[in-house]
PDB file of N, CA and C in Angstrom:
ATOM      1  N   UNK A   1     174.140 163.862-186.225  1.00  0.00           N
ATOM      2  CA  UNK A   1     173.177 164.920-185.921  1.00  0.00           C
ATOM      3  C   UNK A   1     173.936 166.298-185.835  1.00  0.00           C
ATOM      4  N   UNK A   2     175.040 166.348-185.091  1.00  0.00           N
ATOM      5  CA  UNK A   2     175.720 167.565-184.908  1.00  0.00           C
ATOM      6  C   UNK A   2     176.382 168.073-186.184  1.00  0.00           C
ATOM      7  N   UNK A   3     176.813 167.040-187.063  1.00  0.00           N
ATOM      8  CA  UNK A   3     177.432 167.381-188.291  1.00  0.00           C
ATOM      9  C   UNK A   3     176.570 168.058-189.268  1.00  0.00           C
ATOM     10  N   UNK A   4     175.265 167.693-189.139  1.00  0.00           N
ATOM     11  CA  UNK A   4     174.171 168.247-190.142  1.00  0.00           C
ATOM     12  C   UNK A   4     173.956 169.671-189.906  1.00  0.00           C
ATOM     13  N   UNK A   5     174.237 170.163-188.719  1.00  0.00           N
ATOM     14  CA  UNK A   5     174.029 171.526-188.424  1.00  0.00           C
ATOM     15  C   UNK A   5     175.327 172.269-188.378  1.00  0.00           C
ATOM     16  N   UNK A   6     176.380 171.659-187.920  1.00  0.00           N
ATOM     17  CA  UNK A   6     177.718 172.396-187.743  1.00  0.00           C
ATOM     18  C   UNK A   6     178.348 172.716-189.065  1.00  0.00           C
ATOM     19  N   UNK A   7     178.270 171.721-190.108  1.00  0.00           N
ATOM     20  CA  UNK A   7     178.961 172.123-191.291  1.00  0.00           C
ATOM     21  C   UNK A   7     178.352 173.203-192.079  1.00  0.00           C
ATOM     22  N   UNK A   8     177.040 173.164-192.252  1.00  0.00           N
ATOM     23  CA  UNK A   8     176.449 174.475-192.926  1.00  0.00           C
ATOM     24  C   UNK A   8     176.681 175.619-192.096  1.00  0.00           C
ATOM     25  N   UNK A   9     176.703 175.630-190.833  1.00  0.00           N
ATOM     26  CA  UNK A   9     176.868 176.860-189.955  1.00  0.00           C
ATOM     27  C   UNK A   9     178.427 177.370-190.328  1.00  0.00           C
ATOM     28  N   UNK A  10     179.313 176.488-190.287  1.00  0.00           N
ATOM     29  CA  UNK A  10     180.795 176.854-190.481  1.00  0.00           C
ATOM     30  C   UNK A  10     180.877 177.470-191.894  1.00  0.00           C
ATOM     31  N   UNK A  11     180.290 176.743-192.898  1.00  0.00           N
ATOM     32  CA  UNK A  11     180.291 177.309-194.322  1.00  0.00           C
ATOM     33  C   UNK A  11     179.770 178.689-194.272  1.00  0.00           C
ATOM     34  N   UNK A  12     178.594 178.922-193.751  1.00  0.00           N
ATOM     35  CA  UNK A  12     177.963 180.249-193.769  1.00  0.00           C
ATOM     36  C   UNK A  12     178.758 181.188-193.091  1.00  0.00           C
ATOM     37  N   UNK A  13     179.409 180.878-192.086  1.00  0.00           N
ATOM     38  CA  UNK A  13     180.287 182.013-191.317  1.00  0.00           C
ATOM     39  C   UNK A  13     181.462 182.252-192.075  1.00  0.00           C
ATOM     40  N   UNK A  14     181.986 181.258-192.684  1.00  0.00           N
ATOM     41  CA  UNK A  14     183.140 181.464-193.528  1.00  0.00           C
ATOM     42  C   UNK A  14     182.851 182.487-194.690  1.00  0.00           C
ATOM     43  N   UNK A  15     181.735 182.328-195.333  1.00  0.00           N
ATOM     44  CA  UNK A  15     181.235 183.116-196.346  1.00  0.00           C
ATOM     45  C   UNK A  15     181.053 184.474-195.973  1.00  0.00           C
ATOM     46  N   UNK A  16     180.341 184.609-194.794  1.00  0.00           N
ATOM     47  CA  UNK A  16     180.250 185.956-194.237  1.00  0.00           C
ATOM     48  C   UNK A  16     181.450 186.749-193.829  1.00  0.00           C
ATOM     49  N   UNK A  17     182.439 186.002-193.456  1.00  0.00           N
ATOM     50  CA  UNK A  17     183.718 186.599-193.021  1.00  0.00           C
ATOM     51  C   UNK A  17     184.472 186.951-194.347  1.00  0.00           C
ATOM     52  N   UNK A  18     184.474 186.214-195.338  1.00  0.00           N
ATOM     53  CA  UNK A  18     185.115 186.547-196.605  1.00  0.00           C
ATOM     54  C   UNK A  18     184.512 187.775-197.163  1.00  0.00           C
ATOM     55  N   UNK A  19     183.175 187.892-197.170  1.00  0.00           N
ATOM     56  CA  UNK A  19     182.543 188.993-197.791  1.00  0.00           C
ATOM     57  C   UNK A  19     182.876 190.256-197.011  1.00  0.00           C
ATOM     58  N   UNK A  20     182.867 190.186-195.761  1.00  0.00           N
ATOM     59  CA  UNK A  20     183.183 191.398-194.878  1.00  0.00           C
ATOM     60  C   UNK A  20     184.661 191.914-195.082  1.00  0.00           C
ATOM     61  N   UNK A  21     185.656 190.946-195.224  1.00  0.00           N
ATOM     62  CA  UNK A  21     187.066 191.271-195.488  1.00  0.00           C
ATOM     63  C   UNK A  21     187.144 191.991-196.720  1.00  0.00           C
ATOM     64  N   UNK A  22     186.347 191.480-197.809  1.00  0.00           N
ATOM     65  CA  UNK A  22     186.548 192.002-199.196  1.00  0.00           C
ATOM     66  C   UNK A  22     185.913 193.338-199.150  1.00  0.00           C
ATOM     67  N   UNK A  23     184.742 193.557-198.532  1.00  0.00           N
ATOM     68  CA  UNK A  23     184.058 194.827-198.565  1.00  0.00           C
ATOM     69  C   UNK A  23     184.893 195.888-197.852  1.00  0.00           C
ATOM     70  N   UNK A  24     185.490 195.439-196.560  1.00  0.00           N
ATOM     71  CA  UNK A  24     186.297 196.447-195.888  1.00  0.00           C
ATOM     72  C   UNK A  24     187.546 196.823-196.619  1.00  0.00           C
ATOM     73  N   UNK A  25     188.258 195.923-197.254  1.00  0.00           N
ATOM     74  CA  UNK A  25     189.323 196.274-198.126  1.00  0.00           C
ATOM     75  C   UNK A  25     189.091 197.211-199.225  1.00  0.00           C
ATOM     76  N   UNK A  26     187.905 196.901-199.918  1.00  0.00           N
ATOM     77  CA  UNK A  26     187.566 197.750-201.024  1.00  0.00           C
ATOM     78  C   UNK A  26     187.208 199.228-200.638  1.00  0.00           C
ATOM     79  N   UNK A  27     186.438 199.363-199.478  1.00  0.00           N
ATOM     80  CA  UNK A  27     186.290 200.638-198.917  1.00  0.00           C
ATOM     81  C   UNK A  27     187.486 201.429-198.500  1.00  0.00           C
ATOM     82  N   UNK A  28     188.497 200.820-198.004  1.00  0.00           N
ATOM     83  CA  UNK A  28     189.689 201.380-197.597  1.00  0.00           C
ATOM     84  C   UNK A  28     190.488 201.867-198.834  1.00  0.00           C
ATOM     85  N   UNK A  29     190.540 201.000-199.898  1.00  0.00           N
ATOM     86  CA  UNK A  29     191.085 201.330-201.157  1.00  0.00           C
ATOM     87  C   UNK A  29     190.520 202.535-201.767  1.00  0.00           C
ATOM     88  N   UNK A  30     189.154 202.583-201.783  1.00  0.00           N
ATOM     89  CA  UNK A  30     188.396 203.667-202.347  1.00  0.00           C
ATOM     90  C   UNK A  30     188.767 205.045-201.538  1.00  0.00           C
ATOM     91  N   UNK A  31     188.714 205.029-200.224  1.00  0.00           N
ATOM     92  CA  UNK A  31     189.074 206.238-199.518  1.00  0.00           C
ATOM     93  C   UNK A  31     190.515 206.639-199.784  1.00  0.00           C
ATOM     94  N   UNK A  32     191.432 205.793-199.799  1.00  0.00           N
ATOM     95  CA  UNK A  32     192.758 206.179-200.005  1.00  0.00           C
ATOM     96  C   UNK A  32     192.967 206.757-201.454  1.00  0.00           C
ATOM     97  N   UNK A  33     192.437 206.100-202.457  1.00  0.00           N
ATOM     98  CA  UNK A  33     192.451 206.626-203.867  1.00  0.00           C
ATOM     99  C   UNK A  33     191.732 207.966-204.034  1.00  0.00           C
ATOM    100  N   UNK A  34     190.838 208.327-203.330  1.00  0.00           N
ATOM    101  CA  UNK A  34     190.151 209.585-203.419  1.00  0.00           C
ATOM    102  C   UNK A  34     190.836 210.618-202.502  1.00  0.00           C
ATOM    103  N   UNK A  35     191.705 210.231-201.755  1.00  0.00           N
ATOM    104  CA  UNK A  35     192.382 211.228-200.904  1.00  0.00           C
ATOM    105  C   UNK A  35     191.571 211.622-199.701  1.00  0.00           C
ATOM    106  N   UNK A  36     190.610 210.781-199.308  1.00  0.00           N
ATOM    107  CA  UNK A  36     189.634 211.194-198.319  1.00  0.00           C
ATOM    108  C   UNK A  36     190.089 210.697-196.937  1.00  0.00           C
ATOM    109  N   UNK A  37     191.418 210.598-196.634  1.00  0.00           N
ATOM    110  CA  UNK A  37     191.903 210.152-195.515  1.00  0.00           C
ATOM    111  C   UNK A  37     192.281 211.408-194.537  1.00  0.00           C
ATOM    112  N   UNK A  38     191.237 211.731-193.660  1.00  0.00           N
ATOM    113  CA  UNK A  38     191.447 212.870-192.719  1.00  0.00           C
ATOM    114  C   UNK A  38     191.529 212.199-191.363  1.00  0.00           C
ATOM    115  N   UNK A  39     191.554 213.111-190.349  1.00  0.00           N
ATOM    116  CA  UNK A  39     191.636 212.673-188.934  1.00  0.00           C
ATOM    117  C   UNK A  39     190.570 211.730-188.535  1.00  0.00           C
ATOM    118  N   UNK A  40     189.364 211.990-188.941  1.00  0.00           N
ATOM    119  CA  UNK A  40     188.311 211.184-188.609  1.00  0.00           C
ATOM    120  C   UNK A  40     188.368 209.755-189.143  1.00  0.00           C
ATOM    121  N   UNK A  41     188.708 209.581-190.384  1.00  0.00           N
ATOM    122  CA  UNK A  41     188.994 208.201-191.043  1.00  0.00           C
ATOM    123  C   UNK A  41     190.098 207.588-190.291  1.00  0.00           C
ATOM    124  N   UNK A  42     191.186 208.253-190.022  1.00  0.00           N
ATOM    125  CA  UNK A  42     192.370 207.727-189.370  1.00  0.00           C
ATOM    126  C   UNK A  42     192.007 207.075-188.081  1.00  0.00           C
ATOM    127  N   UNK A  43     191.182 207.822-187.335  1.00  0.00           N
ATOM    128  CA  UNK A  43     190.768 207.399-185.927  1.00  0.00           C
ATOM    129  C   UNK A  43     189.893 206.062-186.047  1.00  0.00           C
ATOM    130  N   UNK A  44     189.052 206.028-187.097  1.00  0.00           N
ATOM    131  CA  UNK A  44     188.247 204.791-187.368  1.00  0.00           C
ATOM    132  C   UNK A  44     189.364 203.575-187.550  1.00  0.00           C
ATOM    133  N   UNK A  45     190.378 203.717-188.391  1.00  0.00           N
ATOM    134  CA  UNK A  45     191.218 202.774-188.775  1.00  0.00           C
ATOM    135  C   UNK A  45     192.225 202.342-187.550  1.00  0.00           C
ATOM    136  N   UNK A  46     192.585 203.382-186.722  1.00  0.00           N
ATOM    137  CA  UNK A  46     193.275 203.081-185.616  1.00  0.00           C
ATOM    138  C   UNK A  46     192.470 202.228-184.733  1.00  0.00           C
ATOM    139  N   UNK A  47     191.226 202.539-184.367  1.00  0.00           N
ATOM    140  CA  UNK A  47     190.392 201.551-183.417  1.00  0.00           C
ATOM    141  C   UNK A  47     190.423 200.271-184.018  1.00  0.00           C
ATOM    142  N   UNK A  48     190.095 200.116-185.325  1.00  0.00           N
ATOM    143  CA  UNK A  48     190.020 198.955-185.971  1.00  0.00           C
ATOM    144  C   UNK A  48     191.294 198.052-185.932  1.00  0.00           C
ATOM    145  N   UNK A  49     192.496 198.753-186.033  1.00  0.00           N
ATOM    146  CA  UNK A  49     193.627 198.138-185.965  1.00  0.00           C
ATOM    147  C   UNK A  49     193.846 197.539-184.473  1.00  0.00           C
ATOM    148  N   UNK A  50     193.509 198.282-183.461  1.00  0.00           N
ATOM    149  CA  UNK A  50     193.645 197.920-182.166  1.00  0.00           C
ATOM    150  C   UNK A  50     192.706 196.577-181.948  1.00  0.00           C
ATOM    151  N   UNK A  51     191.572 196.569-182.568  1.00  0.00           N
ATOM    152  CA  UNK A  51     190.691 195.399-182.418  1.00  0.00           C
ATOM    153  C   UNK A  51     191.277 194.184-183.056  1.00  0.00           C
ATOM    154  N   UNK A  52     191.926 194.411-184.328  1.00  0.00           N
ATOM    155  CA  UNK A  52     192.449 193.377-185.041  1.00  0.00           C
ATOM    156  C   UNK A  52     193.560 192.690-184.195  1.00  0.00           C
ATOM    157  N   UNK A  53     194.348 193.396-183.454  1.00  0.00           N
ATOM    158  CA  UNK A  53     195.407 192.755-182.627  1.00  0.00           C
ATOM    159  C   UNK A  53     194.744 191.708-181.577  1.00  0.00           C
ATOM    160  N   UNK A  54     193.533 192.117-181.214  1.00  0.00           N
ATOM    161  CA  UNK A  54     192.936 191.294-180.044  1.00  0.00           C
ATOM    162  C   UNK A  54     192.019 190.234-180.814  1.00  0.00           C
ATOM    163  N   UNK A  55     191.990 190.134-182.059  1.00  0.00           N
ATOM    164  CA  UNK A  55     191.012 189.158-182.761  1.00  0.00           C
ATOM    165  C   UNK A  55     191.461 187.661-182.439  1.00  0.00           C
ATOM    166  N   UNK A  56     192.706 187.418-182.379  1.00  0.00           N
ATOM    167  CA  UNK A  56     193.025 185.987-182.039  1.00  0.00           C
ATOM    168  C   UNK A  56     192.613 185.608-180.606  1.00  0.00           C
ATOM    169  N   UNK A  57     192.748 186.636-179.698  1.00  0.00           N
ATOM    170  CA  UNK A  57     192.299 186.362-178.343  1.00  0.00           C
ATOM    171  C   UNK A  57     190.799 186.079-178.355  1.00  0.00           C
ATOM    172  N   UNK A  58     189.974 186.808-179.029  1.00  0.00           N
ATOM    173  CA  UNK A  58     188.498 186.734-179.061  1.00  0.00           C
ATOM    174  C   UNK A  58     188.214 185.311-179.546  1.00  0.00           C
ATOM    175  N   UNK A  59     188.747 184.972-180.727  1.00  0.00           N
ATOM    176  CA  UNK A  59     188.369 183.643-181.268  1.00  0.00           C
ATOM    177  C   UNK A  59     188.837 182.448-180.543  1.00  0.00           C
ATOM    178  N   UNK A  60     190.059 182.761-179.940  1.00  0.00           N
ATOM    179  CA  UNK A  60     190.638 181.693-179.078  1.00  0.00           C
ATOM    180  C   UNK A  60     189.592 181.426-177.858  1.00  0.00           C
ATOM    181  N   UNK A  61     189.140 182.476-177.302  1.00  0.00           N
ATOM    182  CA  UNK A  61     188.213 182.334-176.078  1.00  0.00           C
ATOM    183  C   UNK A  61     186.953 181.680-176.518  1.00  0.00           C
ATOM    184  N   UNK A  62     186.376 182.060-177.669  1.00  0.00           N
ATOM    185  CA  UNK A  62     185.200 181.600-178.059  1.00  0.00           C
ATOM    186  C   UNK A  62     185.297 180.082-178.368  1.00  0.00           C
ATOM    187  N   UNK A  63     186.436 179.727-179.031  1.00  0.00           N
ATOM    188  CA  UNK A  63     186.619 178.210-179.381  1.00  0.00           C
ATOM    189  C   UNK A  63     186.830 177.361-178.152  1.00  0.00           C
ATOM    190  N   UNK A  64     187.544 177.997-177.184  1.00  0.00           N
ATOM    191  CA  UNK A  64     187.708 177.354-175.867  1.00  0.00           C
ATOM    192  C   UNK A  64     186.317 177.127-175.180  1.00  0.00           C
ATOM    193  N   UNK A  65     185.471 178.067-175.223  1.00  0.00           N
ATOM    194  CA  UNK A  65     184.166 177.976-174.712  1.00  0.00           C
ATOM    195  C   UNK A  65     183.409 176.964-175.322  1.00  0.00           C
ATOM    196  N   UNK A  66     183.305 176.926-176.558  1.00  0.00           N
ATOM    197  CA  UNK A  66     182.640 175.817-177.341  1.00  0.00           C
ATOM    198  C   UNK A  66     183.078 174.490-177.017  1.00  0.00           C
ATOM    199  N   UNK A  67     184.569 174.309-177.030  1.00  0.00           N
ATOM    200  CA  UNK A  67     185.109 173.085-176.758  1.00  0.00           C
ATOM    201  C   UNK A  67     184.796 172.608-175.271  1.00  0.00           C
ATOM    202  N   UNK A  68     184.781 173.508-174.371  1.00  0.00           N
ATOM    203  CA  UNK A  68     184.408 173.332-173.011  1.00  0.00           C
ATOM    204  C   UNK A  68     182.938 172.760-172.983  1.00  0.00           C
ATOM    205  N   UNK A  69     182.091 173.357-173.682  1.00  0.00           N
ATOM    206  CA  UNK A  69     180.660 173.011-173.617  1.00  0.00           C
ATOM    207  C   UNK A  69     180.525 171.591-174.231  1.00  0.00           C
ATOM    208  N   UNK A  70     181.263 171.290-175.289  1.00  0.00           N
ATOM    209  CA  UNK A  70     181.221 169.950-175.873  1.00  0.00           C
ATOM    210  C   UNK A  70     181.802 168.914-174.983  1.00  0.00           C
ATOM    211  N   UNK A  71     182.823 169.280-174.279  1.00  0.00           N
ATOM    212  CA  UNK A  71     183.593 168.479-173.436  1.00  0.00           C
ATOM    213  C   UNK A  71     182.602 168.154-172.229  1.00  0.00           C
ATOM    214  N   UNK A  72     181.908 169.109-171.627  1.00  0.00           N
ATOM    215  CA  UNK A  72     180.931 168.924-170.497  1.00  0.00           C
ATOM    216  C   UNK A  72     179.850 167.942-170.946  1.00  0.00           C
ATOM    217  N   UNK A  73     179.374 168.160-172.180  1.00  0.00           N
ATOM    218  CA  UNK A  73     178.297 167.304-172.647  1.00  0.00           C
ATOM    219  C   UNK A  73     178.707 165.878-172.825  1.00  0.00           C
ATOM    220  N   UNK A  74     179.926 165.702-173.168  1.00  0.00           N
ATOM    221  CA  UNK A  74     180.525 164.374-173.209  1.00  0.00           C
ATOM    222  C   UNK A  74     180.618 163.689-171.887  1.00  0.00           C
ATOM    223  N   UNK A  75     181.098 164.458-170.836  1.00  0.00           N
ATOM    224  CA  UNK A  75     181.323 163.862-169.548  1.00  0.00           C
ATOM    225  C   UNK A  75     179.988 163.561-168.861  1.00  0.00           C
ATOM    226  N   UNK A  76     179.056 164.527-168.922  1.00  0.00           N
ATOM    227  CA  UNK A  76     177.763 164.373-168.213  1.00  0.00           C
ATOM    228  C   UNK A  76     176.705 163.896-169.301  1.00  0.00           C
ATOM    229  N   UNK A  77     177.020 162.943-170.033  1.00  0.00           N
ATOM    230  CA  UNK A  77     176.038 162.507-171.092  1.00  0.00           C
ATOM    231  C   UNK A  77     174.679 162.101-170.566  1.00  0.00           C
ATOM    232  N   UNK A  78     174.691 161.379-169.342  1.00  0.00           N
ATOM    233  CA  UNK A  78     173.415 160.974-168.844  1.00  0.00           C
ATOM    234  C   UNK A  78     172.598 162.067-168.396  1.00  0.00           C
ATOM    235  N   UNK A  79     173.169 163.191-168.040  1.00  0.00           N
ATOM    236  CA  UNK A  79     172.411 164.401-167.443  1.00  0.00           C
ATOM    237  C   UNK A  79     172.087 165.395-168.455  1.00  0.00           C
ATOM    238  N   UNK A  80     172.637 165.435-169.562  1.00  0.00           N
ATOM    239  CA  UNK A  80     172.480 166.605-170.599  1.00  0.00           C
ATOM    240  C   UNK A  80     171.933 165.910-171.842  1.00  0.00           C
ATOM    241  N   UNK A  81     170.867 166.416-172.277  1.00  0.00           N
ATOM    242  CA  UNK A  81     170.163 165.938-173.501  1.00  0.00           C
ATOM    243  C   UNK A  81     170.868 166.550-174.718  1.00  0.00           C
ATOM    244  N   UNK A  82     170.545 165.914-175.942  1.00  0.00           N
ATOM    245  CA  UNK A  82     171.157 166.480-177.124  1.00  0.00           C
ATOM    246  C   UNK A  82     170.741 167.890-177.450  1.00  0.00           C
ATOM    247  N   UNK A  83     169.432 168.282-177.128  1.00  0.00           N
ATOM    248  CA  UNK A  83     169.038 169.657-177.391  1.00  0.00           C
ATOM    249  C   UNK A  83     169.763 170.773-176.433  1.00  0.00           C
ATOM    250  N   UNK A  84     170.061 170.244-175.234  1.00  0.00           N
ATOM    251  CA  UNK A  84     170.717 171.239-174.342  1.00  0.00           C
ATOM    252  C   UNK A  84     172.196 171.386-174.673  1.00  0.00           C
ATOM    253  N   UNK A  85     172.795 170.599-175.513  1.00  0.00           N
ATOM    254  CA  UNK A  85     174.150 170.791-175.898  1.00  0.00           C
ATOM    255  C   UNK A  85     174.295 172.102-176.572  1.00  0.00           C
ATOM    256  N   UNK A  86     173.340 172.396-177.515  1.00  0.00           N
ATOM    257  CA  UNK A  86     173.397 173.738-178.220  1.00  0.00           C
ATOM    258  C   UNK A  86     173.177 174.962-177.271  1.00  0.00           C
ATOM    259  N   UNK A  87     172.477 174.768-176.283  1.00  0.00           N
ATOM    260  CA  UNK A  87     172.315 175.777-175.284  1.00  0.00           C
ATOM    261  C   UNK A  87     173.597 175.912-174.511  1.00  0.00           C
ATOM    262  N   UNK A  88     174.313 174.974-174.162  1.00  0.00           N
ATOM    263  CA  UNK A  88     175.682 175.028-173.553  1.00  0.00           C
ATOM    264  C   UNK A  88     176.759 175.747-174.524  1.00  0.00           C
ATOM    265  N   UNK A  89     176.670 175.374-175.796  1.00  0.00           N
ATOM    266  CA  UNK A  89     177.490 176.010-176.690  1.00  0.00           C
ATOM    267  C   UNK A  89     177.357 177.470-176.703  1.00  0.00           C
ATOM    268  N   UNK A  90     175.990 177.891-176.878  1.00  0.00           N
ATOM    269  CA  UNK A  90     175.778 179.330-177.014  1.00  0.00           C
ATOM    270  C   UNK A  90     176.052 180.086-175.736  1.00  0.00           C
ATOM    271  N   UNK A  91     175.887 179.333-174.604  1.00  0.00           N
ATOM    272  CA  UNK A  91     176.142 179.898-173.263  1.00  0.00           C
ATOM    273  C   UNK A  91     177.659 180.316-173.133  1.00  0.00           C
ATOM    274  N   UNK A  92     178.484 179.239-173.365  1.00  0.00           N
ATOM    275  CA  UNK A  92     179.917 179.378-173.125  1.00  0.00           C
ATOM    276  C   UNK A  92     180.513 180.327-174.151  1.00  0.00           C
ATOM    277  N   UNK A  93     179.995 180.277-175.298  1.00  0.00           N
ATOM    278  CA  UNK A  93     180.440 181.303-176.456  1.00  0.00           C
ATOM    279  C   UNK A  93     180.088 182.657-176.074  1.00  0.00           C
ATOM    280  N   UNK A  94     178.864 182.795-175.535  1.00  0.00           N
ATOM    281  CA  UNK A  94     178.530 184.185-175.049  1.00  0.00           C
ATOM    282  C   UNK A  94     179.308 184.721-173.857  1.00  0.00           C
ATOM    283  N   UNK A  95     179.555 183.816-172.953  1.00  0.00           N
ATOM    284  CA  UNK A  95     180.460 184.240-171.778  1.00  0.00           C
ATOM    285  C   UNK A  95     181.835 184.621-172.366  1.00  0.00           C
ATOM    286  N   UNK A  96     182.387 183.743-173.227  1.00  0.00           N
ATOM    287  CA  UNK A  96     183.703 184.152-173.796  1.00  0.00           C
ATOM    288  C   UNK A  96     183.600 185.442-174.517  1.00  0.00           C
ATOM    289  N   UNK A  97     182.559 185.800-175.243  1.00  0.00           N
ATOM    290  CA  UNK A  97     182.458 187.134-175.993  1.00  0.00           C
ATOM    291  C   UNK A  97     182.381 188.261-174.823  1.00  0.00           C
ATOM    292  N   UNK A  98     181.636 188.061-173.761  1.00  0.00           N
ATOM    293  CA  UNK A  98     181.498 189.086-172.757  1.00  0.00           C
ATOM    294  C   UNK A  98     182.880 189.302-172.054  1.00  0.00           C
ATOM    295  N   UNK A  99     183.649 188.262-171.741  1.00  0.00           N
ATOM    296  CA  UNK A  99     184.903 188.378-171.174  1.00  0.00           C
ATOM    297  C   UNK A  99     185.846 189.174-172.241  1.00  0.00           C
ATOM    298  N   UNK A 100     185.792 188.806-173.458  1.00  0.00           N
ATOM    299  CA  UNK A 100     186.525 189.500-174.507  1.00  0.00           C
ATOM    300  C   UNK A 100     186.268 190.984-174.548  1.00  0.00           C
ATOM    301  N   UNK A 101     184.921 191.354-174.474  1.00  0.00           N
ATOM    302  CA  UNK A 101     184.597 192.706-174.407  1.00  0.00           C
ATOM    303  C   UNK A 101     185.248 193.524-173.383  1.00  0.00           C
ATOM    304  N   UNK A 102     185.270 192.930-172.209  1.00  0.00           N
ATOM    305  CA  UNK A 102     185.812 193.698-171.119  1.00  0.00           C
ATOM    306  C   UNK A 102     187.355 193.972-171.253  1.00  0.00           C
ATOM    307  N   UNK A 103     188.041 192.846-171.870  1.00  0.00           N
ATOM    308  CA  UNK A 103     189.499 192.958-172.043  1.00  0.00           C
ATOM    309  C   UNK A 103     189.754 193.858-173.252  1.00  0.00           C
ATOM    310  N   UNK A 104     188.947 193.885-174.277  1.00  0.00           N
ATOM    311  CA  UNK A 104     189.143 194.800-175.489  1.00  0.00           C
ATOM    312  C   UNK A 104     188.803 196.339-174.991  1.00  0.00           C
ATOM    313  N   UNK A 105     187.850 196.430-174.190  1.00  0.00           N
ATOM    314  CA  UNK A 105     187.555 197.828-173.792  1.00  0.00           C
ATOM    315  C   UNK A 105     188.709 198.410-172.893  1.00  0.00           C
ATOM    316  N   UNK A 106     189.247 197.566-172.099  1.00  0.00           N
ATOM    317  CA  UNK A 106     190.372 198.011-171.179  1.00  0.00           C
ATOM    318  C   UNK A 106     191.499 198.434-172.069  1.00  0.00           C
ATOM    319  N   UNK A 107     191.887 197.656-173.077  1.00  0.00           N
ATOM    320  CA  UNK A 107     193.075 198.013-174.022  1.00  0.00           C
ATOM    321  C   UNK A 107     192.709 199.176-174.835  1.00  0.00           C
ATOM    322  N   UNK A 108     191.666 199.348-175.363  1.00  0.00           N
ATOM    323  CA  UNK A 108     191.220 200.449-176.264  1.00  0.00           C
ATOM    324  C   UNK A 108     191.178 201.839-175.455  1.00  0.00           C
ATOM    325  N   UNK A 109     190.416 201.794-174.256  1.00  0.00           N
ATOM    326  CA  UNK A 109     190.303 203.079-173.508  1.00  0.00           C
ATOM    327  C   UNK A 109     191.454 203.222-172.636  1.00  0.00           C
ATOM    328  N   UNK A 110     192.167 202.210-172.264  1.00  0.00           N
ATOM    329  CA  UNK A 110     193.283 202.410-171.269  1.00  0.00           C
ATOM    330  C   UNK A 110     194.585 202.664-171.967  1.00  0.00           C
ATOM    331  N   UNK A 111     195.633 202.608-171.202  1.00  0.00           N
ATOM    332  CA  UNK A 111     196.873 202.899-171.713  1.00  0.00           C
ATOM    333  C   UNK A 111     197.705 201.517-171.990  1.00  0.00           C
ATOM    334  N   UNK A 112     197.047 200.461-171.737  1.00  0.00           N
ATOM    335  CA  UNK A 112     197.689 199.145-172.016  1.00  0.00           C
ATOM    336  C   UNK A 112     197.578 198.871-173.519  1.00  0.00           C
ATOM    337  N   UNK A 113     198.680 198.494-174.059  1.00  0.00           N
ATOM    338  CA  UNK A 113     198.670 198.083-175.441  1.00  0.00           C
ATOM    339  C   UNK A 113     198.914 196.660-175.513  1.00  0.00           C
ATOM    340  N   UNK A 114     198.149 195.867-176.304  1.00  0.00           N
ATOM    341  CA  UNK A 114     198.481 194.420-176.600  1.00  0.00           C
ATOM    342  C   UNK A 114     199.725 194.256-177.560  1.00  0.00           C
ATOM    343  N   UNK A 115     200.408 193.366-177.267  1.00  0.00           N
ATOM    344  CA  UNK A 115     201.711 193.221-178.090  1.00  0.00           C
ATOM    345  C   UNK A 115     201.682 192.224-179.120  1.00  0.00           C
TER     346      UNK A 115
END
């Protein structure tokens, strides 16, 4: 049951990620080739570079949240139905994203730099 939903979702997410990476790279190359790199564009790329440093943290936290939800569903199998497993996954992934948002905002707005 879970494989029927999880596999297409992962494939769809991978396709979206690949398209985003390609379009961002093409946009950067066009801006550089046209010489349109001024202070405004540099600021956009600096913030993007800061977020890229925290990307591993974000996805690690989300995957830990999803794993925790699946682990809890296996432990409390008699209390949790199959439909509520998806709710747990979204809940824990959402909590992970919210925690990541607080950490990322602290690093971007503050003086702390991720290493």
